[in-house]
Amino acid sequence: MKIAIIGTHSTGKTTLGRMLAEKLKELGYEVNYLNELARECPFPINEATSFEAQKWILDNQFRLEEEMHSTNGFLICDRATLDNFAYMKRVSKGLDIRSYEKKAAEHMSSYDFVFKTKKLNLEAEKDGIRSVNDEFRNEIDNLISKLLKKHKIDYFELYPTVDYEVHLEFILKRLQLSDFCNF
């Protein structure tokens, strides 16, 4: 089963994804976790990103998901192809990116569940990597929402809270784990 946690940066995706992975492991499931690839990108990210950087991120997202996905367990993705594409769209001025958009949107059907974090009116925590610029975060959040709507992607929007236990409970209820019990 493949699960994507999407949304603009600094909205708790990584924290939630790791909590979900740990909970599933506690329940006896095999779990792979794909970290947000922007943190590994060899090119500048955030407001200074380039098309080259976003292509690197998107291409590696496709490749690593394919390598890591197992039919016997869970793959939890800290981001999905469509929200990675939102960052590419932002910097693609004048470039024909329709093929990237099509591939990213079509790939969204490979996720069994997509959960979108909600950007709250809270300051982002400085982690030394991701931008805390609220205007930039809002721009990406809006792009993601427009892309989800444009491509009619099914997803669950998480409650507007920083209580990750609420999010975890919400996700676990949607997964109906008894359907996937192998023990």
Protein backbone atom coordinates (compact mmCIF):
# COMPACT_ATOMS: atom_id res chain seq x y z
CA MET A 1 0.00 0.00 0.00
CA LYS A 2 1.36 3.40 -0.94
CA ILE A 3 0.49 6.50 1.08
CA ALA A 4 1.44 10.07 0.21
CA ILE A 5 1.42 12.94 2.67
CA ILE A 6 1.37 16.15 0.67
CA GLY A 7 1.26 19.88 1.22
CA THR A 8 3.45 22.93 1.24
CA HIS A 9 6.68 22.77 3.19
CA SER A 10 6.78 23.21 6.97
CA THR A 11 3.27 21.86 7.61
CA GLY A 12 4.22 18.73 9.55
CA LYS A 13 4.38 16.16 6.73
CA THR A 14 7.70 14.70 7.87
CA THR A 15 6.71 14.48 11.52
CA LEU A 16 3.38 12.90 10.64
CA GLY A 17 4.89 10.50 8.11
CA ARG A 18 7.45 9.27 10.59
CA MET A 19 4.81 8.84 13.29
CA LEU A 20 2.66 6.85 10.88
CA ALA A 21 5.60 4.66 9.88
CA GLU A 22 6.42 3.93 13.52
CA LYS A 23 2.80 3.12 14.35
CA LEU A 24 2.49 0.74 11.41
CA LYS A 25 5.74 -0.98 12.42
CA GLU A 26 4.40 -1.34 15.99
CA LEU A 27 1.35 -3.05 14.48
CA GLY A 28 3.62 -5.54 12.73
CA TYR A 29 3.65 -4.17 9.19
CA GLU A 30 6.61 -3.87 6.84
CA VAL A 31 7.14 -0.15 6.19
CA ASN A 32 9.39 1.80 3.85
CA TYR A 33 9.61 5.55 4.22
CA LEU A 34 10.61 7.93 1.42
CA ASN A 35 11.97 11.21 2.79
CA GLU A 36 11.28 14.52 1.13
CA LEU A 37 13.87 14.66 -1.64
CA ALA A 38 14.36 18.44 -1.61
CA ARG A 39 16.59 17.94 1.43
CA GLU A 40 18.95 15.80 -0.68
CA CYS A 41 18.87 17.91 -3.82
CA PRO A 42 22.35 18.99 -4.98
CA PHE A 43 20.91 22.25 -6.36
CA PRO A 44 19.42 25.27 -4.57
CA ILE A 45 15.85 24.84 -3.31
CA ASN A 46 13.14 27.11 -1.87
CA GLU A 47 12.73 30.52 -3.51
CA ALA A 48 16.13 30.17 -5.25
CA THR A 49 15.28 26.85 -6.88
CA SER A 50 15.55 26.22 -10.58
CA PHE A 51 13.87 24.03 -13.15
CA GLU A 52 16.97 21.79 -13.05
CA ALA A 53 16.59 21.31 -9.28
CA GLN A 54 12.89 20.54 -9.49
CA LYS A 55 13.46 18.11 -12.37
CA TRP A 56 16.07 16.32 -10.23
CA ILE A 57 13.60 16.07 -7.35
CA LEU A 58 10.69 14.89 -9.50
CA ASP A 59 12.75 12.34 -11.45
CA ASN A 60 14.15 10.90 -8.22
CA GLN A 61 10.67 10.77 -6.67
CA PHE A 62 9.48 8.56 -9.55
CA ARG A 63 12.58 6.36 -9.41
CA LEU A 64 12.71 5.87 -5.65
CA GLU A 65 9.01 5.17 -5.28
CA GLU A 66 9.32 2.42 -7.86
CA GLU A 67 12.39 0.96 -6.13
CA MET A 68 10.94 1.13 -2.63
CA HIS A 69 7.35 0.05 -3.23
CA SER A 70 6.55 -3.43 -1.99
CA THR A 71 3.24 -5.18 -2.42
CA ASN A 72 3.69 -6.79 1.01
CA GLY A 73 3.85 -3.65 3.09
CA PHE A 74 3.54 0.09 3.17
CA LEU A 75 5.44 2.83 1.40
CA ILE A 76 4.92 6.19 3.04
CA CYS A 77 5.98 9.13 0.88
CA ASP A 78 6.86 12.50 2.37
CA ARG A 79 5.45 14.29 -0.70
CA ALA A 80 3.97 12.99 -3.91
CA THR A 81 4.66 13.69 -7.55
CA LEU A 82 1.96 16.36 -7.83
CA ASP A 83 3.14 18.54 -4.97
CA ASN A 84 6.72 18.17 -6.20
CA PHE A 85 5.44 19.31 -9.58
CA ALA A 86 3.93 22.43 -7.96
CA TYR A 87 7.44 23.63 -7.12
CA MET A 88 8.52 22.93 -10.72
CA LYS A 89 5.53 24.83 -12.10
CA ARG A 90 6.49 27.85 -10.02
CA VAL A 91 9.91 28.16 -11.72
CA SER A 92 9.02 27.00 -15.22
CA LYS A 93 8.37 30.40 -16.77
CA GLY A 94 8.41 30.03 -20.53
CA LEU A 95 9.19 26.29 -20.49
CA ASP A 96 6.87 23.65 -21.86
CA ILE A 97 6.25 21.46 -18.80
CA ARG A 98 3.03 19.81 -19.93
CA SER A 99 4.66 16.38 -20.16
CA TYR A 100 5.91 16.68 -16.56
CA GLU A 101 2.49 17.76 -15.35
CA LYS A 102 0.80 14.91 -17.19
CA LYS A 103 3.24 12.33 -15.81
CA ALA A 104 2.97 13.70 -12.25
CA ALA A 105 -0.84 13.81 -12.37
CA GLU A 106 -1.17 10.33 -13.86
CA HIS A 107 1.25 8.97 -11.27
CA MET A 108 -1.06 10.14 -8.49
CA SER A 109 -3.27 7.12 -9.19
CA SER A 110 -0.43 4.91 -7.90
CA TYR A 111 -1.08 6.10 -4.34
CA ASP A 112 -3.68 4.15 -2.42
CA PHE A 113 -4.23 7.15 -0.13
CA VAL A 114 -3.27 10.81 -0.33
CA PHE A 115 -3.46 13.00 2.77
CA LYS A 116 -2.96 16.77 2.48
CA THR A 117 -1.74 18.85 5.36
CA LYS A 118 -3.34 22.21 5.95
CA LYS A 119 -1.17 25.29 6.10
CA LEU A 120 -2.03 27.02 9.34
CA ASN A 121 -1.47 30.64 10.24
CA LEU A 122 1.58 29.70 12.27
CA GLU A 123 5.20 30.62 11.75
CA ALA A 124 7.25 27.83 10.24
CA GLU A 125 9.99 26.46 12.44
CA LYS A 126 13.47 27.23 11.17
CA ASP A 127 15.24 23.98 10.34
CA GLY A 128 18.08 25.50 8.33
CA ILE A 129 16.85 23.89 5.10
CA ARG A 130 13.29 24.84 4.22
CA SER A 131 12.12 28.42 3.72
CA VAL A 132 10.02 30.01 6.45
CA ASN A 133 8.75 32.71 4.08
CA ASP A 134 4.99 32.66 4.60
CA GLU A 135 4.19 34.18 1.20
CA PHE A 136 6.22 31.44 -0.54
CA ARG A 137 4.55 28.73 1.56
CA ASN A 138 1.10 30.13 0.68
CA GLU A 139 2.00 30.25 -3.03
CA ILE A 140 2.98 26.56 -3.03
CA ASP A 141 -0.08 25.57 -0.98
CA ASN A 142 -2.33 27.34 -3.51
CA LEU A 143 -0.55 25.70 -6.46
CA ILE A 144 -0.97 22.25 -4.91
CA SER A 145 -4.67 22.84 -4.27
CA LYS A 146 -5.22 24.06 -7.84
CA LEU A 147 -3.40 21.04 -9.28
CA LEU A 148 -5.41 18.61 -7.15
CA LYS A 149 -8.62 20.22 -8.37
CA LYS A 150 -7.51 20.49 -12.01
CA HIS A 151 -6.58 16.81 -12.18
CA LYS A 152 -9.48 15.63 -10.01
CA ILE A 153 -7.18 13.87 -7.56
CA ASP A 154 -8.91 12.14 -4.65
CA TYR A 155 -7.37 13.06 -1.31
CA PHE A 156 -8.19 13.58 2.34
CA GLU A 157 -7.50 16.98 3.83
CA LEU A 158 -6.22 16.72 7.38
CA TYR A 159 -7.80 18.74 10.17
CA PRO A 160 -6.34 22.20 10.80
CA THR A 161 -4.40 21.29 13.93
CA VAL A 162 -0.81 20.71 15.03
CA ASP A 163 -1.97 17.76 17.13
CA TYR A 164 -0.34 14.95 15.18
CA GLU A 165 -2.19 12.32 17.21
CA VAL A 166 -5.45 13.63 15.70
CA HIS A 167 -3.95 13.30 12.21
CA LEU A 168 -2.59 9.83 12.96
CA GLU A 169 -5.98 8.62 14.22
CA PHE A 170 -7.69 10.10 11.15
CA ILE A 171 -5.28 8.31 8.79
CA LEU A 172 -5.44 4.96 10.59
CA LYS A 173 -9.25 5.00 10.42
CA ARG A 174 -9.12 5.60 6.67
CA LEU A 175 -6.64 2.76 6.13
CA GLN A 176 -8.96 0.16 7.70
CA LEU A 177 -5.95 -1.97 8.62
CA SER A 178 -7.95 -5.11 9.31
CA ASP A 179 -8.33 -5.45 5.52
CA PHE A 180 -4.56 -5.74 5.19
CA CYS A 181 -3.73 -7.94 8.19
CA ASN A 182 -1.37 -10.77 7.33
CA PHE A 183 -0.89 -12.13 10.84
